[in-house]
């Protein structure tokens, strides 16, 4: 898709949708720099994430969160597909988490591993809000969950 077509399409968006796209650009860019520079434990702490037992993580999905969750997933995935840098699944999951948290919507970041066709270990990250996949949901079923991160106690969303 061309940049010109994207600009024309953006003109038809609501102010709220435009704000979400700008916010997604900012978080994807910031996290693209932070992920390779900081140890993940430190980054998770800075973002207000705490590791939890994956089998014990469950967040109820509230119906009033549906529109916000879908809009943030749309913004993060749409912008990630158009950034001039690589917006990995981990960067997208973390950006979506921060955006949801800012809007008081709780979510969980999952990390998983699998083996590719050549037997090499591959990793994937996805973001879930209740039973809804926000980012990275295209193939998460192929991966074994090795870690789940949810909001630290005392933080909203």
Protein backbone atom coordinates (compact mmCIF):
# COMPACT_ATOMS: atom_id res chain seq x y z
CA UNK A 1 0.00 0.00 0.00
CA UNK A 2 1.36 3.43 -0.88
CA UNK A 3 1.94 6.25 1.57
CA UNK A 4 -0.26 8.54 -0.54
CA UNK A 5 -3.18 6.13 -0.29
CA UNK A 6 -2.62 5.85 3.48
CA UNK A 7 -2.70 9.64 3.88
CA UNK A 8 -5.93 9.92 1.89
CA UNK A 9 -7.46 7.12 3.93
CA UNK A 10 -6.35 8.78 7.21
CA UNK A 11 -8.28 11.93 6.28
CA UNK A 12 -11.48 9.93 6.58
CA UNK A 13 -10.73 8.75 10.10
CA UNK A 14 -12.28 10.18 13.23
CA UNK A 15 -10.14 12.34 15.54
CA UNK A 16 -10.11 9.47 18.06
CA UNK A 17 -8.82 7.03 15.44
CA UNK A 18 -6.13 9.48 14.35
CA UNK A 19 -5.03 9.95 17.97
CA UNK A 20 -4.77 6.18 18.41
CA UNK A 21 -2.61 5.93 15.28
CA UNK A 22 -0.28 8.68 16.52
CA UNK A 23 -0.08 7.01 19.94
CA UNK A 24 0.69 3.67 18.29
CA UNK A 25 3.49 5.23 16.20
CA UNK A 26 5.02 6.71 19.34
CA UNK A 27 4.89 3.53 21.41
CA UNK A 28 6.04 1.29 18.56
CA UNK A 29 9.02 3.59 17.92
CA UNK A 30 9.95 3.91 21.58
CA UNK A 31 9.65 0.19 22.24
CA UNK A 32 11.54 -0.67 19.04
CA UNK A 33 14.50 1.14 20.61
CA UNK A 34 13.93 -0.08 24.19
CA UNK A 35 13.50 -3.82 23.51
CA UNK A 36 17.04 -4.49 22.26
CA UNK A 37 18.62 -2.03 24.73
CA UNK A 38 17.09 -3.12 28.04
CA UNK A 39 16.95 -6.52 29.72
CA UNK A 40 13.36 -7.74 29.42
CA UNK A 41 12.88 -7.90 33.21
CA UNK A 42 13.84 -4.23 33.50
CA UNK A 43 11.59 -3.23 30.59
CA UNK A 44 8.68 -5.21 32.03
CA UNK A 45 9.17 -3.48 35.37
CA UNK A 46 9.23 -0.05 33.72
CA UNK A 47 6.00 -0.86 31.89
CA UNK A 48 4.30 -2.05 35.06
CA UNK A 49 4.26 -5.74 34.10
CA UNK A 50 4.80 -8.61 36.48
CA UNK A 51 5.43 -12.22 35.50
CA UNK A 52 2.66 -14.64 36.38
CA UNK A 53 2.15 -18.36 36.07
CA UNK A 54 0.60 -18.74 32.59
CA UNK A 55 -1.89 -21.35 33.84
CA UNK A 56 -3.18 -18.94 36.48
CA UNK A 57 -3.60 -15.86 34.31
CA UNK A 58 -7.12 -14.97 33.42
CA UNK A 59 -8.68 -11.58 33.05
CA UNK A 60 -12.38 -11.21 32.60
CA UNK A 61 -13.34 -9.38 29.44
CA UNK A 62 -15.79 -6.62 30.08
CA UNK A 63 -18.17 -5.77 27.26
CA UNK A 64 -17.46 -2.06 27.71
CA UNK A 65 -13.79 -2.77 26.84
CA UNK A 66 -14.58 -4.32 23.46
CA UNK A 67 -14.58 -1.18 21.32
CA UNK A 68 -11.39 0.20 22.92
CA UNK A 69 -9.62 -3.16 22.65
CA UNK A 70 -10.51 -3.55 18.97
CA UNK A 71 -9.52 0.04 18.17
CA UNK A 72 -6.13 -0.29 19.86
CA UNK A 73 -5.47 -3.64 18.17
CA UNK A 74 -6.38 -2.07 14.83
CA UNK A 75 -4.10 0.93 15.42
CA UNK A 76 -1.08 -1.07 16.61
CA UNK A 77 -1.28 -3.68 13.84
CA UNK A 78 -2.04 -1.12 11.14
CA UNK A 79 0.84 1.15 12.10
CA UNK A 80 3.23 -1.78 12.64
CA UNK A 81 2.65 -2.91 9.07
CA UNK A 82 3.72 0.52 7.82
CA UNK A 83 6.65 1.53 10.04
CA UNK A 84 10.00 2.00 8.34
CA UNK A 85 11.49 -0.14 11.13
CA UNK A 86 10.71 -3.73 12.02
CA UNK A 87 7.87 -3.77 14.55
CA UNK A 88 8.23 -7.28 15.93
CA UNK A 89 5.47 -9.19 17.66
CA UNK A 90 7.05 -8.35 21.04
CA UNK A 91 7.15 -4.63 20.25
CA UNK A 92 3.51 -4.77 19.11
CA UNK A 93 2.41 -6.68 22.22
CA UNK A 94 4.12 -4.22 24.54
CA UNK A 95 2.82 -1.17 22.66
CA UNK A 96 -0.72 -2.55 22.76
CA UNK A 97 -0.36 -3.34 26.47
CA UNK A 98 0.73 0.22 27.29
CA UNK A 99 -2.06 1.73 25.23
CA UNK A 100 -4.69 -0.51 26.83
CA UNK A 101 -3.33 0.24 30.29
CA UNK A 102 -3.55 3.98 29.59
CA UNK A 103 -7.24 3.43 28.85
CA UNK A 104 -7.77 1.30 31.99
CA UNK A 105 -8.21 -1.95 30.07
CA UNK A 106 -6.36 -4.91 31.65
CA UNK A 107 -4.43 -7.22 29.35
CA UNK A 108 -1.78 -9.95 29.42
CA UNK A 109 1.41 -10.19 27.34
CA UNK A 110 2.32 -13.78 26.45
CA UNK A 111 5.68 -15.15 25.34
CA UNK A 112 5.81 -18.48 23.59
CA UNK A 113 8.24 -20.78 21.80
CA UNK A 114 7.97 -23.44 19.10
CA UNK A 115 10.20 -25.23 16.63
CA UNK A 116 10.17 -24.27 12.97
CA UNK A 117 10.23 -26.74 10.07
CA UNK A 118 14.02 -27.02 10.41
CA UNK A 119 13.85 -27.80 14.11
CA UNK A 120 15.09 -24.36 15.17
CA UNK A 121 13.56 -22.69 18.20
CA UNK A 122 11.39 -19.67 17.34
CA UNK A 123 9.64 -17.23 19.64
CA UNK A 124 6.41 -15.28 19.46
CA UNK A 125 4.55 -12.76 21.61
CA UNK A 126 0.89 -11.88 21.67
CA UNK A 127 -1.43 -9.68 23.68
CA UNK A 128 -4.71 -10.88 25.10
CA UNK A 129 -7.53 -8.99 26.77
CA UNK A 130 -9.85 -11.52 28.39
CA UNK A 131 -10.50 -14.07 25.66
CA UNK A 132 -9.76 -11.52 22.90
CA UNK A 133 -6.47 -11.47 21.01
CA UNK A 134 -5.33 -7.90 20.48
CA UNK A 135 -2.00 -8.48 18.68
CA UNK A 136 -0.03 -11.50 17.50
CA UNK A 137 -3.06 -13.74 17.26
CA UNK A 138 -2.41 -15.09 13.79
CA UNK A 139 -0.45 -18.13 14.99
CA UNK A 140 -0.23 -18.12 18.78
CA UNK A 141 -1.81 -21.59 18.91
CA UNK A 142 1.44 -23.05 17.50
CA UNK A 143 3.48 -21.83 20.47
CA UNK A 144 3.94 -23.20 23.97
CA UNK A 145 3.52 -20.41 26.50
CA UNK A 146 6.69 -19.93 28.54
CA UNK A 147 5.73 -16.70 30.32
CA UNK A 148 2.78 -14.41 30.89
CA UNK A 149 2.98 -10.83 32.10
CA UNK A 150 0.09 -8.89 33.53
CA UNK A 151 -0.25 -5.51 35.22
CA UNK A 152 1.64 -5.19 38.50
CA UNK A 153 -0.48 -5.00 41.62
CA UNK A 154 -1.67 -1.49 42.29
CA UNK A 155 -1.73 -0.45 38.64
CA UNK A 156 -4.97 -0.05 36.82
CA UNK A 157 -5.45 -1.93 33.57
